[in-house]
Each structure stands twice: as C-alpha cells, then as structure tokens.
Amino acid sequence: MVQNVDTTRTEPRSPSQRRLAVLWAAAIIALALHNAEEWLLGMTGWVAAHPWLPGQFLHGDQRQFGLALVIVTAAVLAIGVIAVTTRAKWSAETLVCVAYALIINAGSHLVISAVSWSLMPGVISGVLILLPLGLIIVRALPPVRWSTSAVVTTAIAAVAVVVGSLLIAAALAPIISVL
C-alpha cells in the first residue's frame, strides 16, 4: 500500500543558536559596512544636492549624520547581542524583520539612484551586500507570521530607529562638539 505524505504542512525547524549567532553577526557587519559607505561617500552632501528629497532637515551635517549611523548600528548590535546571549525565543523572527528592513533599505537606495540619475551613497553596499544577505536570512530562517500588527510594528520600529537616531544625533551634536 502506498501512503501519501503531505509535505506542505511541515512546521519549519527552529534554527540552531549557532546559525542564529552567525546570521545576526553577518547582518550587523553588513549594516556597519553599509553605514560606513553612506558616511564615507558623503550622504549629507548627496542629499543636499537633491533638494527634492524629503527629510532634508533630518540629515544635518556630516558629523551629526555619522553619529546617527553609529546609533543605528549600536541599536541593532544591542538587539542582536541580547537575542543571541539570552537565546531569546523572538531572535529568529526579529532577525527576519531586520533582514526585510535591510532589503527595503537596499531597494530604496536603488530606486532613488535610478530616479535621481546619480549613485546614492549606500547603493553599492545595498545591492552587493544588504540585498543578498537579507534574502539569505529570509530564506534560512522560519517565516515571520505576518499580521497587520506585525507589519505595523516592524514598520514603526524601523522608522523609529532611523528617525530617532537622527533626532538624538541632532540633540547630541552641540554637546559633543563642546567636548
């Protein structure tokens, strides 16, 4: 007798802690490299040269923007370290959300570069590092259970980290320049 096995209903296996740690480290390193490209290639000057872009006031000067990039990288590093060291149940799902944010970031650099007819700082690392790594992470880990609240929470968290870091950098810039 032949028995049919339904393979479409298998539960995704939880990733090993080692795999999660490696993927978290890769995502953090990729973000740091991407942020370094944005800073080294002068994102603030590029944004200033394209006045039709929204959010001009958020980027500030190059030092302020550099501080914001450090804050974003440190925030993702802190989340990754907490996730890995505590073996948090939310680690894999959070990393998949971070991966989607990396993919969207890379895509936005690509679209804005195409629309502006100039390479936006961050587009090279976005296409060569963030996009492929984001896709690898999404494929390597169990899928996120997307619901309206999960999508809204992820979007709000991503925007809050970016805008929050820019606002914190703006507030700290005068203090740091005195030191």
Protein backbone atom coordinates (compact mmCIF):
# COMPACT_ATOMS: atom_id res chain seq x y z
CA MET A 1 0.00 0.00 0.00
CA VAL A 2 1.30 3.48 -0.94
CA GLN A 3 0.88 6.22 1.59
CA ASN A 4 0.77 9.85 0.53
CA VAL A 5 2.68 12.23 2.74
CA ASP A 6 1.65 15.87 2.79
CA THR A 7 4.95 17.77 2.86
CA THR A 8 3.31 21.19 2.55
CA ARG A 9 2.24 21.19 6.19
CA THR A 10 5.55 20.66 7.89
CA GLU A 11 6.48 23.04 10.64
CA PRO A 12 9.70 24.94 9.97
CA ARG A 13 12.53 23.78 12.18
CA SER A 14 13.92 26.23 14.65
CA PRO A 15 17.41 27.33 13.65
CA SER A 16 20.34 26.38 15.83
CA GLN A 17 21.75 29.00 18.18
CA ARG A 18 24.99 28.89 16.22
CA ARG A 19 23.22 29.63 12.94
CA LEU A 20 21.31 32.50 14.55
CA ALA A 21 24.51 33.94 16.00
CA VAL A 22 26.25 33.77 12.61
CA LEU A 23 23.30 35.38 10.82
CA TRP A 24 22.99 38.12 13.45
CA ALA A 25 26.74 38.82 13.16
CA ALA A 26 26.51 38.93 9.36
CA ALA A 27 23.56 41.33 9.48
CA ILE A 28 25.32 43.66 11.94
CA ILE A 29 28.57 43.64 9.94
CA ALA A 30 26.64 44.28 6.71
CA LEU A 31 24.80 47.20 8.32
CA ALA A 32 28.07 48.65 9.62
CA LEU A 33 29.68 48.38 6.16
CA HIS A 34 26.63 49.97 4.55
CA ASN A 35 26.59 52.81 7.08
CA ALA A 36 30.31 53.35 6.55
CA GLU A 37 29.71 53.67 2.80
CA GLU A 38 26.96 56.22 3.39
CA TRP A 39 29.24 58.26 5.63
CA LEU A 40 32.46 57.94 3.61
CA LEU A 41 30.73 58.86 0.34
CA GLY A 42 29.05 61.88 1.91
CA MET A 43 25.36 61.10 2.21
CA THR A 44 24.60 64.55 3.69
CA GLY A 45 26.19 66.30 0.71
CA TRP A 46 24.41 64.00 -1.71
CA VAL A 47 21.06 64.67 -0.01
CA ALA A 48 21.75 68.43 -0.05
CA ALA A 49 22.45 68.21 -3.79
CA HIS A 50 19.00 66.67 -4.30
CA PRO A 51 16.63 69.17 -2.66
CA TRP A 52 13.53 67.38 -3.94
CA LEU A 53 14.17 64.53 -1.45
CA PRO A 54 12.03 64.63 1.70
CA GLY A 55 13.60 64.81 5.15
CA GLN A 56 16.47 67.17 4.26
CA PHE A 57 16.44 68.66 7.76
CA LEU A 58 16.98 65.26 9.37
CA HIS A 59 20.40 64.58 7.87
CA GLY A 60 22.16 67.61 9.38
CA ASP A 61 25.89 67.90 8.81
CA GLN A 62 28.33 65.07 8.16
CA ARG A 63 29.41 64.67 11.83
CA GLN A 64 25.81 64.62 13.02
CA PHE A 65 24.90 62.06 10.36
CA GLY A 66 27.90 59.93 11.35
CA LEU A 67 26.69 59.94 14.95
CA ALA A 68 23.22 58.85 13.79
CA LEU A 69 24.77 55.95 11.85
CA VAL A 70 26.70 54.88 14.96
CA ILE A 71 23.46 54.99 16.99
CA VAL A 72 21.57 52.85 14.45
CA THR A 73 24.39 50.32 14.26
CA ALA A 74 24.70 50.21 18.06
CA ALA A 75 20.93 49.70 18.44
CA VAL A 76 20.91 46.72 16.05
CA LEU A 77 24.08 45.38 17.70
CA ALA A 78 22.43 45.61 21.14
CA ILE A 79 19.32 43.79 19.91
CA GLY A 80 21.47 41.10 18.29
CA VAL A 81 23.67 40.61 21.35
CA ILE A 82 20.63 40.36 23.63
CA ALA A 83 18.92 37.95 21.23
CA VAL A 84 21.95 35.68 20.95
CA THR A 85 23.19 35.74 24.55
CA THR A 86 19.78 35.19 26.11
CA ARG A 87 18.73 32.68 23.44
CA ALA A 88 15.53 34.66 23.14
CA LYS A 89 12.56 32.98 21.51
CA TRP A 90 11.99 36.11 19.45
CA SER A 91 15.51 36.12 17.99
CA ALA A 92 14.82 34.43 14.64
CA GLU A 93 11.64 36.35 13.96
CA THR A 94 13.27 39.65 14.87
CA LEU A 95 16.24 38.89 12.64
CA VAL A 96 13.90 38.17 9.72
CA CYS A 97 12.26 41.56 10.31
CA VAL A 98 15.73 43.18 10.35
CA ALA A 99 16.51 41.34 7.10
CA TYR A 100 13.37 42.76 5.47
CA ALA A 101 14.44 46.23 6.64
CA LEU A 102 17.86 45.67 5.02
CA ILE A 103 16.19 44.55 1.78
CA ILE A 104 13.90 47.61 1.76
CA ASN A 105 16.87 49.89 2.53
CA ALA A 106 18.83 48.42 -0.40
CA GLY A 107 15.80 48.74 -2.66
CA SER A 108 15.23 52.36 -1.67
CA HIS A 109 18.86 53.23 -2.49
CA LEU A 110 18.48 51.56 -5.87
CA VAL A 111 15.19 53.31 -6.69
CA ILE A 112 16.40 56.75 -5.54
CA SER A 113 19.64 56.30 -7.51
CA ALA A 114 17.63 55.45 -10.62
CA VAL A 115 15.20 58.35 -10.16
CA SER A 116 17.99 60.86 -9.46
CA TRP A 117 20.33 59.53 -12.16
CA SER A 118 23.20 59.52 -9.64
CA LEU A 119 24.58 56.88 -7.31
CA MET A 120 23.23 57.49 -3.85
CA PRO A 121 25.81 56.73 -1.15
CA GLY A 122 24.95 53.26 0.12
CA VAL A 123 23.65 51.89 -3.18
CA ILE A 124 26.75 49.78 -3.84
CA SER A 125 26.77 48.01 -0.47
CA GLY A 126 22.98 47.90 -0.61
CA VAL A 127 22.94 45.94 -3.85
CA LEU A 128 26.06 43.85 -3.24
CA ILE A 129 25.70 43.13 0.50
CA LEU A 130 22.36 44.09 2.09
CA LEU A 131 20.07 42.70 -0.59
CA PRO A 132 21.75 39.27 -0.97
CA LEU A 133 22.28 38.86 2.78
CA GLY A 134 18.71 39.92 3.53
CA LEU A 135 17.42 37.32 1.09
CA ILE A 136 19.70 34.64 2.56
CA ILE A 137 18.43 35.40 6.07
CA VAL A 138 14.78 35.37 4.98
CA ARG A 139 15.28 32.01 3.23
CA ALA A 140 17.38 30.46 6.03
CA LEU A 141 15.01 31.20 8.91
CA PRO A 142 11.39 30.28 9.58
CA PRO A 143 8.96 32.74 8.03
CA VAL A 144 7.52 35.53 10.12
CA ARG A 145 3.85 35.16 10.91
CA TRP A 146 2.82 38.42 9.23
CA SER A 147 -0.27 40.03 10.62
CA THR A 148 -1.38 43.62 10.41
CA SER A 149 0.05 44.30 13.85
CA ALA A 150 3.38 42.61 12.96
CA VAL A 151 3.72 44.69 9.79
CA VAL A 152 2.79 47.92 11.56
CA THR A 153 5.11 47.17 14.50
CA THR A 154 8.02 46.35 12.18
CA ALA A 155 7.47 49.49 10.09
CA ILE A 156 7.15 51.72 13.16
CA ALA A 157 10.26 50.17 14.75
CA ALA A 158 12.34 50.64 11.58
CA VAL A 159 11.24 54.26 11.13
CA ALA A 160 11.67 54.98 14.84
CA VAL A 161 15.23 53.65 14.88
CA VAL A 162 16.25 55.71 11.85
CA VAL A 163 14.42 58.94 12.65
CA GLY A 164 15.13 58.57 16.36
CA SER A 165 18.85 58.18 15.74
CA LEU A 166 18.88 61.28 13.53
CA LEU A 167 17.00 63.30 16.17
CA ILE A 168 19.20 62.04 19.00
CA ALA A 169 22.30 62.86 16.93
CA ALA A 170 20.93 66.37 16.33
CA ALA A 171 20.39 66.84 20.06
CA LEU A 172 23.82 65.45 20.99
CA ALA A 173 25.81 67.23 18.27
CA PRO A 174 26.14 70.54 20.16
CA ILE A 175 27.16 68.72 23.35
CA ILE A 176 29.72 66.53 21.61
CA SER A 177 31.23 69.46 19.68
CA VAL A 178 31.96 71.19 23.02
CA LEU A 179 33.79 68.12 24.35
